[in-house]
PDB file of N, CA and C in Angstrom:
ATOM      1  N   MET A   1     -26.861  -8.336  -7.294  1.00  0.00           N
ATOM      2  CA  MET A   1     -27.189  -7.017  -6.764  1.00  0.00           C
ATOM      3  C   MET A   1     -26.325  -6.765  -5.530  1.00  0.00           C
ATOM      4  N   LYS A   2     -25.703  -5.601  -5.490  1.00  0.00           N
ATOM      5  CA  LYS A   2     -24.902  -5.272  -4.317  1.00  0.00           C
ATOM      6  C   LYS A   2     -25.833  -4.996  -3.140  1.00  0.00           C
ATOM      7  N   ASN A   3     -25.295  -5.079  -1.925  1.00  0.00           N
ATOM      8  CA  ASN A   3     -26.161  -4.962  -0.748  1.00  0.00           C
ATOM      9  C   ASN A   3     -26.251  -3.552  -0.185  1.00  0.00           C
ATOM     10  N   ALA A   4     -25.664  -2.557  -0.851  1.00  0.00           N
ATOM     11  CA  ALA A   4     -25.702  -1.183  -0.353  1.00  0.00           C
ATOM     12  C   ALA A   4     -25.843  -0.219  -1.524  1.00  0.00           C
ATOM     13  N   LEU A   5     -26.310   0.993  -1.215  1.00  0.00           N
ATOM     14  CA  LEU A   5     -26.338   2.055  -2.207  1.00  0.00           C
ATOM     15  C   LEU A   5     -26.092   3.378  -1.508  1.00  0.00           C
ATOM     16  N   THR A   6     -25.621   4.346  -2.260  1.00  0.00           N
ATOM     17  CA  THR A   6     -25.307   5.665  -1.715  1.00  0.00           C
ATOM     18  C   THR A   6     -26.575   6.520  -1.695  1.00  0.00           C
ATOM     19  N   PRO A   7     -26.557   7.629  -0.938  1.00  0.00           N
ATOM     20  CA  PRO A   7     -27.700   8.541  -0.973  1.00  0.00           C
ATOM     21  C   PRO A   7     -28.016   9.036  -2.390  1.00  0.00           C
ATOM     22  N   ASP A   8     -26.997   9.348  -3.179  1.00  0.00           N
ATOM     23  CA  ASP A   8     -27.241   9.817  -4.547  1.00  0.00           C
ATOM     24  C   ASP A   8     -27.897   8.730  -5.402  1.00  0.00           C
ATOM     25  N   GLU A   9     -27.455   7.487  -5.228  1.00  0.00           N
ATOM     26  CA  GLU A   9     -28.075   6.384  -5.968  1.00  0.00           C
ATOM     27  C   GLU A   9     -29.535   6.221  -5.549  1.00  0.00           C
ATOM     28  N   LEU A  10     -29.803   6.344  -4.256  1.00  0.00           N
ATOM     29  CA  LEU A  10     -31.181   6.224  -3.784  1.00  0.00           C
ATOM     30  C   LEU A  10     -32.042   7.346  -4.356  1.00  0.00           C
ATOM     31  N   ARG A  11     -31.528   8.559  -4.374  1.00  0.00           N
ATOM     32  CA  ARG A  11     -32.287   9.682  -4.953  1.00  0.00           C
ATOM     33  C   ARG A  11     -32.672   9.392  -6.411  1.00  0.00           C
ATOM     34  N   ARG A  12     -31.723   8.881  -7.173  1.00  0.00           N
ATOM     35  CA  ARG A  12     -32.001   8.546  -8.577  1.00  0.00           C
ATOM     36  C   ARG A  12     -33.070   7.459  -8.670  1.00  0.00           C
ATOM     37  N   GLU A  13     -32.954   6.452  -7.842  1.00  0.00           N
ATOM     38  CA  GLU A  13     -33.924   5.360  -7.886  1.00  0.00           C
ATOM     39  C   GLU A  13     -35.312   5.820  -7.441  1.00  0.00           C
ATOM     40  N   LEU A  14     -35.371   6.715  -6.462  1.00  0.00           N
ATOM     41  CA  LEU A  14     -36.662   7.220  -6.000  1.00  0.00           C
ATOM     42  C   LEU A  14     -37.353   8.046  -7.084  1.00  0.00           C
ATOM     43  N   ALA A  15     -36.572   8.653  -7.967  1.00  0.00           N
ATOM     44  CA  ALA A  15     -37.128   9.460  -9.053  1.00  0.00           C
ATOM     45  C   ALA A  15     -37.443   8.617 -10.296  1.00  0.00           C
ATOM     46  N   SER A  16     -37.138   7.334 -10.255  1.00  0.00           N
ATOM     47  CA  SER A  16     -37.349   6.476 -11.421  1.00  0.00           C
ATOM     48  C   SER A  16     -38.806   6.003 -11.496  1.00  0.00           C
ATOM     49  N   ALA A  17     -39.105   5.318 -12.578  1.00  0.00           N
ATOM     50  CA  ALA A  17     -40.454   4.788 -12.785  1.00  0.00           C
ATOM     51  C   ALA A  17     -40.774   3.647 -11.824  1.00  0.00           C
ATOM     52  N   THR A  18     -39.737   2.993 -11.300  1.00  0.00           N
ATOM     53  CA  THR A  18     -39.959   1.879 -10.376  1.00  0.00           C
ATOM     54  C   THR A  18     -39.109   2.079  -9.116  1.00  0.00           C
ATOM     55  N   PRO A  19     -39.533   3.007  -8.252  1.00  0.00           N
ATOM     56  CA  PRO A  19     -38.746   3.272  -7.042  1.00  0.00           C
ATOM     57  C   PRO A  19     -38.795   2.106  -6.060  1.00  0.00           C
ATOM     58  N   PRO A  20     -37.756   1.956  -5.251  1.00  0.00           N
ATOM     59  CA  PRO A  20     -37.750   0.896  -4.244  1.00  0.00           C
ATOM     60  C   PRO A  20     -38.660   1.272  -3.073  1.00  0.00           C
ATOM     61  N   LEU A  21     -39.000   0.289  -2.296  1.00  0.00           N
ATOM     62  CA  LEU A  21     -39.716   0.504  -1.041  1.00  0.00           C
ATOM     63  C   LEU A  21     -38.647   0.863  -0.006  1.00  0.00           C
ATOM     64  N   VAL A  22     -38.789   2.005   0.646  1.00  0.00           N
ATOM     65  CA  VAL A  22     -37.792   2.455   1.610  1.00  0.00           C
ATOM     66  C   VAL A  22     -38.339   2.238   3.019  1.00  0.00           C
ATOM     67  N   VAL A  23     -37.533   1.563   3.847  1.00  0.00           N
ATOM     68  CA  VAL A  23     -37.946   1.241   5.210  1.00  0.00           C
ATOM     69  C   VAL A  23     -36.928   1.805   6.198  1.00  0.00           C
ATOM     70  N   ASP A  24     -37.425   2.650   7.077  1.00  0.00           N
ATOM     71  CA  ASP A  24     -36.637   3.253   8.157  1.00  0.00           C
ATOM     72  C   ASP A  24     -36.579   2.225   9.284  1.00  0.00           C
ATOM     73  N   VAL A  25     -35.392   1.716   9.593  1.00  0.00           N
ATOM     74  CA  VAL A  25     -35.256   0.709  10.642  1.00  0.00           C
ATOM     75  C   VAL A  25     -34.431   1.229  11.820  1.00  0.00           C
ATOM     76  N   ARG A  26     -34.546   2.541  12.056  1.00  0.00           N
ATOM     77  CA  ARG A  26     -33.875   3.074  13.245  1.00  0.00           C
ATOM     78  C   ARG A  26     -34.533   2.505  14.492  1.00  0.00           C
ATOM     79  N   ARG A  27     -33.744   2.350  15.528  1.00  0.00           N
ATOM     80  CA  ARG A  27     -34.287   1.880  16.806  1.00  0.00           C
ATOM     81  C   ARG A  27     -35.353   2.862  17.292  1.00  0.00           C
ATOM     82  N   VAL A  28     -36.282   2.364  18.100  1.00  0.00           N
ATOM     83  CA  VAL A  28     -37.404   3.171  18.586  1.00  0.00           C
ATOM     84  C   VAL A  28     -36.940   4.495  19.164  1.00  0.00           C
ATOM     85  N   GLU A  29     -35.930   4.455  20.028  1.00  0.00           N
ATOM     86  CA  GLU A  29     -35.482   5.686  20.690  1.00  0.00           C
ATOM     87  C   GLU A  29     -34.900   6.689  19.697  1.00  0.00           C
ATOM     88  N   ASP A  30     -34.222   6.203  18.658  1.00  0.00           N
ATOM     89  CA  ASP A  30     -33.671   7.104  17.640  1.00  0.00           C
ATOM     90  C   ASP A  30     -34.782   7.717  16.794  1.00  0.00           C
ATOM     91  N   TYR A  31     -35.770   6.900  16.447  1.00  0.00           N
ATOM     92  CA  TYR A  31     -36.895   7.400  15.659  1.00  0.00           C
ATOM     93  C   TYR A  31     -37.704   8.424  16.459  1.00  0.00           C
ATOM     94  N   GLU A  32     -37.967   8.135  17.724  1.00  0.00           N
ATOM     95  CA  GLU A  32     -38.753   9.057  18.548  1.00  0.00           C
ATOM     96  C   GLU A  32     -38.015  10.373  18.780  1.00  0.00           C
ATOM     97  N   ARG A  33     -36.709  10.328  18.869  1.00  0.00           N
ATOM     98  CA  ARG A  33     -35.908  11.527  19.077  1.00  0.00           C
ATOM     99  C   ARG A  33     -35.959  12.439  17.848  1.00  0.00           C
ATOM    100  N   SER A  34     -36.011  11.849  16.667  1.00  0.00           N
ATOM    101  CA  SER A  34     -35.997  12.623  15.429  1.00  0.00           C
ATOM    102  C   SER A  34     -36.765  11.848  14.352  1.00  0.00           C
ATOM    103  N   PRO A  35     -38.099  12.019  14.291  1.00  0.00           N
ATOM    104  CA  PRO A  35     -38.900  11.220  13.365  1.00  0.00           C
ATOM    105  C   PRO A  35     -38.752  11.579  11.885  1.00  0.00           C
ATOM    106  N   GLU A  36     -38.064  12.682  11.560  1.00  0.00           N
ATOM    107  CA  GLU A  36     -37.860  13.022  10.162  1.00  0.00           C
ATOM    108  C   GLU A  36     -36.946  11.992   9.517  1.00  0.00           C
ATOM    109  N   GLY A  37     -37.292  11.616   8.306  1.00  0.00           N
ATOM    110  CA  GLY A  37     -36.468  10.632   7.619  1.00  0.00           C
ATOM    111  C   GLY A  37     -36.525  10.823   6.124  1.00  0.00           C
ATOM    112  N   VAL A  38     -36.213   9.784   5.393  1.00  0.00           N
ATOM    113  CA  VAL A  38     -36.285   9.809   3.939  1.00  0.00           C
ATOM    114  C   VAL A  38     -37.756   9.931   3.560  1.00  0.00           C
ATOM    115  N   PRO A  39     -38.118  10.897   2.717  1.00  0.00           N
ATOM    116  CA  PRO A  39     -39.518  11.067   2.330  1.00  0.00           C
ATOM    117  C   PRO A  39     -40.119   9.778   1.758  1.00  0.00           C
ATOM    118  N   GLY A  40     -41.296   9.435   2.257  1.00  0.00           N
ATOM    119  CA  GLY A  40     -41.997   8.250   1.783  1.00  0.00           C
ATOM    120  C   GLY A  40     -41.612   6.957   2.467  1.00  0.00           C
ATOM    121  N   ALA A  41     -40.625   7.007   3.356  1.00  0.00           N
ATOM    122  CA  ALA A  41     -40.187   5.786   4.041  1.00  0.00           C
ATOM    123  C   ALA A  41     -41.202   5.370   5.099  1.00  0.00           C
ATOM    124  N   ASP A  42     -41.326   4.072   5.291  1.00  0.00           N
ATOM    125  CA  ASP A  42     -42.144   3.515   6.367  1.00  0.00           C
ATOM    126  C   ASP A  42     -41.219   3.112   7.489  1.00  0.00           C
ATOM    127  N   TRP A  43     -41.550   3.490   8.726  1.00  0.00           N
ATOM    128  CA  TRP A  43     -40.731   3.085   9.865  1.00  0.00           C
ATOM    129  C   TRP A  43     -41.187   1.727  10.360  1.00  0.00           C
ATOM    130  N   ARG A  44     -40.224   0.873  10.625  1.00  0.00           N
ATOM    131  CA  ARG A  44     -40.476  -0.449  11.204  1.00  0.00           C
ATOM    132  C   ARG A  44     -39.408  -0.702  12.256  1.00  0.00           C
ATOM    133  N   ALA A  45     -39.839  -1.129  13.425  1.00  0.00           N
ATOM    134  CA  ALA A  45     -38.902  -1.410  14.510  1.00  0.00           C
ATOM    135  C   ALA A  45     -38.021  -2.599  14.127  1.00  0.00           C
ATOM    136  N   PRO A  46     -36.713  -2.420  14.158  1.00  0.00           N
ATOM    137  CA  PRO A  46     -35.844  -3.538  13.787  1.00  0.00           C
ATOM    138  C   PRO A  46     -35.984  -4.719  14.737  1.00  0.00           C
ATOM    139  N   ALA A  47     -36.320  -4.454  15.991  1.00  0.00           N
ATOM    140  CA  ALA A  47     -36.480  -5.536  16.966  1.00  0.00           C
ATOM    141  C   ALA A  47     -37.700  -6.411  16.660  1.00  0.00           C
ATOM    142  N   LEU A  48     -38.614  -5.894  15.834  1.00  0.00           N
ATOM    143  CA  LEU A  48     -39.832  -6.632  15.493  1.00  0.00           C
ATOM    144  C   LEU A  48     -39.802  -7.153  14.056  1.00  0.00           C
ATOM    145  N   LEU A  49     -38.613  -7.325  13.517  1.00  0.00           N
ATOM    146  CA  LEU A  49     -38.443  -7.781  12.140  1.00  0.00           C
ATOM    147  C   LEU A  49     -39.265  -9.029  11.840  1.00  0.00           C
ATOM    148  N   GLU A  50     -39.295  -9.960  12.750  1.00  0.00           N
ATOM    149  CA  GLU A  50     -40.059 -11.201  12.541  1.00  0.00           C
ATOM    150  C   GLU A  50     -41.527 -10.906  12.269  1.00  0.00           C
ATOM    151  N   ASP A  51     -42.045  -9.850  12.874  1.00  0.00           N
ATOM    152  CA  ASP A  51     -43.461  -9.507  12.733  1.00  0.00           C
ATOM    153  C   ASP A  51     -43.787  -8.836  11.403  1.00  0.00           C
ATOM    154  N   TRP A  52     -42.874  -8.038  10.866  1.00  0.00           N
ATOM    155  CA  TRP A  52     -43.203  -7.273   9.664  1.00  0.00           C
ATOM    156  C   TRP A  52     -42.555  -7.743   8.369  1.00  0.00           C
ATOM    157  N   ALA A  53     -41.520  -8.536   8.445  1.00  0.00           N
ATOM    158  CA  ALA A  53     -40.800  -8.942   7.228  1.00  0.00           C
ATOM    159  C   ALA A  53     -41.700  -9.685   6.244  1.00  0.00           C
ATOM    160  N   GLY A  54     -42.569 -10.530   6.744  1.00  0.00           N
ATOM    161  CA  GLY A  54     -43.452 -11.305   5.873  1.00  0.00           C
ATOM    162  C   GLY A  54     -44.498 -10.462   5.159  1.00  0.00           C
ATOM    163  N   GLY A  55     -44.716  -9.243   5.633  1.00  0.00           N
ATOM    164  CA  GLY A  55     -45.706  -8.365   5.022  1.00  0.00           C
ATOM    165  C   GLY A  55     -45.165  -7.496   3.904  1.00  0.00           C
ATOM    166  N   LEU A  56     -43.873  -7.606   3.614  1.00  0.00           N
ATOM    167  CA  LEU A  56     -43.304  -6.830   2.509  1.00  0.00           C
ATOM    168  C   LEU A  56     -43.855  -7.369   1.190  1.00  0.00           C
ATOM    169  N   PRO A  57     -44.153  -6.492   0.247  1.00  0.00           N
ATOM    170  CA  PRO A  57     -44.694  -6.951  -1.037  1.00  0.00           C
ATOM    171  C   PRO A  57     -43.744  -7.931  -1.734  1.00  0.00           C
ATOM    172  N   ALA A  58     -44.297  -9.012  -2.228  1.00  0.00           N
ATOM    173  CA  ALA A  58     -43.489 -10.017  -2.920  1.00  0.00           C
ATOM    174  C   ALA A  58     -42.789  -9.386  -4.118  1.00  0.00           C
ATOM    175  N   GLY A  59     -41.505  -9.654  -4.254  1.00  0.00           N
ATOM    176  CA  GLY A  59     -40.732  -9.165  -5.380  1.00  0.00           C
ATOM    177  C   GLY A  59     -40.281  -7.716  -5.278  1.00  0.00           C
ATOM    178  N   ALA A  60     -40.666  -7.026  -4.206  1.00  0.00           N
ATOM    179  CA  ALA A  60     -40.293  -5.614  -4.061  1.00  0.00           C
ATOM    180  C   ALA A  60     -38.796  -5.467  -3.829  1.00  0.00           C
ATOM    181  N   GLU A  61     -38.237  -4.393  -4.365  1.00  0.00           N
ATOM    182  CA  GLU A  61     -36.866  -4.025  -4.030  1.00  0.00           C
ATOM    183  C   GLU A  61     -36.965  -3.113  -2.822  1.00  0.00           C
ATOM    184  N   VAL A  62     -36.225  -3.439  -1.783  1.00  0.00           N
ATOM    185  CA  VAL A  62     -36.329  -2.745  -0.503  1.00  0.00           C
ATOM    186  C   VAL A  62     -34.991  -2.110  -0.150  1.00  0.00           C
ATOM    187  N   VAL A  63     -35.050  -0.872   0.344  1.00  0.00           N
ATOM    188  CA  VAL A  63     -33.865  -0.193   0.867  1.00  0.00           C
ATOM    189  C   VAL A  63     -34.152   0.134   2.321  1.00  0.00           C
ATOM    190  N   VAL A  64     -33.263  -0.304   3.216  1.00  0.00           N
ATOM    191  CA  VAL A  64     -33.417  -0.012   4.639  1.00  0.00           C
ATOM    192  C   VAL A  64     -32.336   0.966   5.073  1.00  0.00           C
ATOM    193  N   TYR A  65     -32.663   1.754   6.092  1.00  0.00           N
ATOM    194  CA  TYR A  65     -31.657   2.659   6.639  1.00  0.00           C
ATOM    195  C   TYR A  65     -31.851   2.816   8.130  1.00  0.00           C
ATOM    196  N   CYS A  66     -30.747   3.102   8.809  1.00  0.00           N
ATOM    197  CA  CYS A  66     -30.765   3.426  10.232  1.00  0.00           C
ATOM    198  C   CYS A  66     -30.082   4.784  10.377  1.00  0.00           C
ATOM    199  N   VAL A  67     -29.583   5.092  11.549  1.00  0.00           N
ATOM    200  CA  VAL A  67     -28.992   6.407  11.783  1.00  0.00           C
ATOM    201  C   VAL A  67     -27.747   6.625  10.928  1.00  0.00           C
ATOM    202  N   ARG A  68     -26.808   5.662  10.963  1.00  0.00           N
ATOM    203  CA  ARG A  68     -25.537   5.854  10.257  1.00  0.00           C
ATOM    204  C   ARG A  68     -25.169   4.731   9.294  1.00  0.00           C
ATOM    205  N   GLY A  69     -26.103   3.855   8.996  1.00  0.00           N
ATOM    206  CA  GLY A  69     -25.820   2.784   8.039  1.00  0.00           C
ATOM    207  C   GLY A  69     -24.959   1.680   8.595  1.00  0.00           C
ATOM    208  N   GLY A  70     -24.980   1.522   9.900  1.00  0.00           N
ATOM    209  CA  GLY A  70     -24.143   0.521  10.550  1.00  0.00           C
ATOM    210  C   GLY A  70     -24.848  -0.791  10.810  1.00  0.00           C
ATOM    211  N   SER A  71     -24.633  -1.308  12.011  1.00  0.00           N
ATOM    212  CA  SER A  71     -25.074  -2.663  12.336  1.00  0.00           C
ATOM    213  C   SER A  71     -26.580  -2.861  12.269  1.00  0.00           C
ATOM    214  N   VAL A  72     -27.361  -1.839  12.579  1.00  0.00           N
ATOM    215  CA  VAL A  72     -28.819  -2.022  12.562  1.00  0.00           C
ATOM    216  C   VAL A  72     -29.301  -2.278  11.137  1.00  0.00           C
ATOM    217  N   SER A  73     -29.050  -1.343  10.228  1.00  0.00           N
ATOM    218  CA  SER A  73     -29.549  -1.524   8.865  1.00  0.00           C
ATOM    219  C   SER A  73     -28.848  -2.674   8.152  1.00  0.00           C
ATOM    220  N   GLN A  74     -27.566  -2.876   8.414  1.00  0.00           N
ATOM    221  CA  GLN A  74     -26.870  -3.985   7.771  1.00  0.00           C
ATOM    222  C   GLN A  74     -27.395  -5.327   8.255  1.00  0.00           C
ATOM    223  N   GLY A  75     -27.725  -5.405   9.541  1.00  0.00           N
ATOM    224  CA  GLY A  75     -28.295  -6.636  10.077  1.00  0.00           C
ATOM    225  C   GLY A  75     -29.676  -6.919   9.513  1.00  0.00           C
ATOM    226  N   VAL A  76     -30.504  -5.884   9.410  1.00  0.00           N
ATOM    227  CA  VAL A  76     -31.842  -6.047   8.832  1.00  0.00           C
ATOM    228  C   VAL A  76     -31.723  -6.430   7.363  1.00  0.00           C
ATOM    229  N   GLN A  77     -30.825  -5.769   6.638  1.00  0.00           N
ATOM    230  CA  GLN A  77     -30.634  -6.094   5.220  1.00  0.00           C
ATOM    231  C   GLN A  77     -30.232  -7.561   5.054  1.00  0.00           C
ATOM    232  N   ALA A  78     -29.293  -8.018   5.858  1.00  0.00           N
ATOM    233  CA  ALA A  78     -28.835  -9.409   5.755  1.00  0.00           C
ATOM    234  C   ALA A  78     -29.963 -10.381   6.076  1.00  0.00           C
ATOM    235  N   ASP A  79     -30.742 -10.062   7.094  1.00  0.00           N
ATOM    236  CA  ASP A  79     -31.863 -10.934   7.474  1.00  0.00           C
ATOM    237  C   ASP A  79     -32.892 -10.991   6.354  1.00  0.00           C
ATOM    238  N   LEU A  80     -33.243  -9.820   5.807  1.00  0.00           N
ATOM    239  CA  LEU A  80     -34.217  -9.801   4.716  1.00  0.00           C
ATOM    240  C   LEU A  80     -33.693 -10.561   3.499  1.00  0.00           C
ATOM    241  N   ALA A  81     -32.419 -10.364   3.172  1.00  0.00           N
ATOM    242  CA  ALA A  81     -31.832 -11.066   2.027  1.00  0.00           C
ATOM    243  C   ALA A  81     -31.880 -12.580   2.239  1.00  0.00           C
ATOM    244  N   SER A  82     -31.661 -13.033   3.476  1.00  0.00           N
ATOM    245  CA  SER A  82     -31.704 -14.468   3.755  1.00  0.00           C
ATOM    246  C   SER A  82     -33.121 -15.035   3.587  1.00  0.00           C
ATOM    247  N   ARG A  83     -34.109 -14.144   3.608  1.00  0.00           N
ATOM    248  CA  ARG A  83     -35.507 -14.548   3.398  1.00  0.00           C
ATOM    249  C   ARG A  83     -35.917 -14.428   1.938  1.00  0.00           C
ATOM    250  N   GLY A  84     -34.969 -14.048   1.086  1.00  0.00           N
ATOM    251  CA  GLY A  84     -35.255 -13.934  -0.334  1.00  0.00           C
ATOM    252  C   GLY A  84     -35.729 -12.556  -0.772  1.00  0.00           C
ATOM    253  N   VAL A  85     -35.676 -11.566   0.131  1.00  0.00           N
ATOM    254  CA  VAL A  85     -36.074 -10.206  -0.214  1.00  0.00           C
ATOM    255  C   VAL A  85     -34.905  -9.507  -0.907  1.00  0.00           C
ATOM    256  N   LYS A  86     -35.198  -8.767  -1.957  1.00  0.00           N
ATOM    257  CA  LYS A  86     -34.173  -7.972  -2.660  1.00  0.00           C
ATOM    258  C   LYS A  86     -33.945  -6.725  -1.815  1.00  0.00           C
ATOM    259  N   ALA A  87     -33.038  -6.821  -0.854  1.00  0.00           N
ATOM    260  CA  ALA A  87     -32.834  -5.739   0.106  1.00  0.00           C
ATOM    261  C   ALA A  87     -31.422  -5.184   0.040  1.00  0.00           C
ATOM    262  N   ARG A  88     -31.343  -3.861   0.199  1.00  0.00           N
ATOM    263  CA  ARG A  88     -30.069  -3.167   0.294  1.00  0.00           C
ATOM    264  C   ARG A  88     -30.163  -2.193   1.465  1.00  0.00           C
ATOM    265  N   PHE A  89     -29.006  -1.727   1.946  1.00  0.00           N
ATOM    266  CA  PHE A  89     -29.009  -0.710   2.998  1.00  0.00           C
ATOM    267  C   PHE A  89     -28.388   0.563   2.452  1.00  0.00           C
ATOM    268  N   LEU A  90     -28.769   1.691   3.057  1.00  0.00           N
ATOM    269  CA  LEU A  90     -28.278   2.995   2.650  1.00  0.00           C
ATOM    270  C   LEU A  90     -26.940   3.259   3.320  1.00  0.00           C
ATOM    271  N   GLU A  91     -25.888   3.400   2.522  1.00  0.00           N
ATOM    272  CA  GLU A  91     -24.552   3.693   3.061  1.00  0.00           C
ATOM    273  C   GLU A  91     -24.580   5.012   3.822  1.00  0.00           C
ATOM    274  N   GLY A  92     -24.099   4.986   5.032  1.00  0.00           N
ATOM    275  CA  GLY A  92     -24.066   6.193   5.849  1.00  0.00           C
ATOM    276  C   GLY A  92     -25.384   6.523   6.515  1.00  0.00           C
ATOM    277  N   GLY A  93     -26.430   5.765   6.200  1.00  0.00           N
ATOM    278  CA  GLY A  93     -27.726   5.925   6.842  1.00  0.00           C
ATOM    279  C   GLY A  93     -28.363   7.292   6.655  1.00  0.00           C
ATOM    280  N   LEU A  94     -29.236   7.618   7.583  1.00  0.00           N
ATOM    281  CA  LEU A  94     -29.955   8.886   7.525  1.00  0.00           C
ATOM    282  C   LEU A  94     -29.010  10.076   7.608  1.00  0.00           C
ATOM    283  N   ALA A  95     -27.931   9.930   8.361  1.00  0.00           N
ATOM    284  CA  ALA A  95     -26.964  11.031   8.481  1.00  0.00           C
ATOM    285  C   ALA A  95     -26.395  11.389   7.114  1.00  0.00           C
ATOM    286  N   ALA A  96     -26.054  10.395   6.307  1.00  0.00           N
ATOM    287  CA  ALA A  96     -25.513  10.658   4.972  1.00  0.00           C
ATOM    288  C   ALA A  96     -26.603  11.229   4.064  1.00  0.00           C
ATOM    289  N   TRP A  97     -27.817  10.712   4.159  1.00  0.00           N
ATOM    290  CA  TRP A  97     -28.930  11.227   3.359  1.00  0.00           C
ATOM    291  C   TRP A  97     -29.138  12.715   3.642  1.00  0.00           C
ATOM    292  N   GLN A  98     -29.205  13.069   4.911  1.00  0.00           N
ATOM    293  CA  GLN A  98     -29.426  14.472   5.295  1.00  0.00           C
ATOM    294  C   GLN A  98     -28.230  15.335   4.922  1.00  0.00           C
ATOM    295  N   GLY A  99     -27.035  14.772   4.976  1.00  0.00           N
ATOM    296  CA  GLY A  99     -25.828  15.529   4.631  1.00  0.00           C
ATOM    297  C   GLY A  99     -25.703  15.840   3.163  1.00  0.00           C
ATOM    298  N   THR A 100     -26.421  15.099   2.313  1.00  0.00           N
ATOM    299  CA  THR A 100     -26.338  15.330   0.873  1.00  0.00           C
ATOM    300  C   THR A 100     -27.572  16.029   0.326  1.00  0.00           C
ATOM    301  N   GLN A 101     -28.514  16.386   1.182  1.00  0.00           N
ATOM    302  CA  GLN A 101     -29.748  17.023   0.707  1.00  0.00           C
ATOM    303  C   GLN A 101     -29.494  18.308  -0.049  1.00  0.00           C
ATOM    304  N   SER A 102     -28.533  19.072   0.386  1.00  0.00           N
ATOM    305  CA  SER A 102     -28.285  20.370  -0.260  1.00  0.00           C
ATOM    306  C   SER A 102     -27.644  20.216  -1.638  1.00  0.00           C
ATOM    307  N   LYS A 103     -27.164  19.018  -1.971  1.00  0.00           N
ATOM    308  CA  LYS A 103     -26.533  18.797  -3.277  1.00  0.00           C
ATOM    309  C   LYS A 103     -27.556  18.724  -4.413  1.00  0.00           C
ATOM    310  N   GLY A 104     -28.811  18.286  -4.062  1.00  0.00           N
ATOM    311  CA  GLY A 104     -29.817  18.042  -5.081  1.00  0.00           C
ATOM    312  C   GLY A 104     -30.157  19.228  -5.843  1.00  0.00           C
TER     313      GLY A 104
END
């Protein structure tokens, strides 16, 4: 499984019979500044990964995103993958997701 997916790929997967669990891992200040995100996503502070990673459903496919799909979401994805979680990050992050909304 590749470690990233595009906004269009995520949209298709969210509309499927088995959608992934989407986790918003923007930093606290970014989330508080603009709490709107991918519909249905759960926000989790990336700095508290140790506290919440173990609570992810066993066997779940997880997609994480941050503001622009950079070091925050990629770091969380790598950490989750090292724990055996089927995790990917959203390429371009929330900015790319919002930029493609009008295409749907």
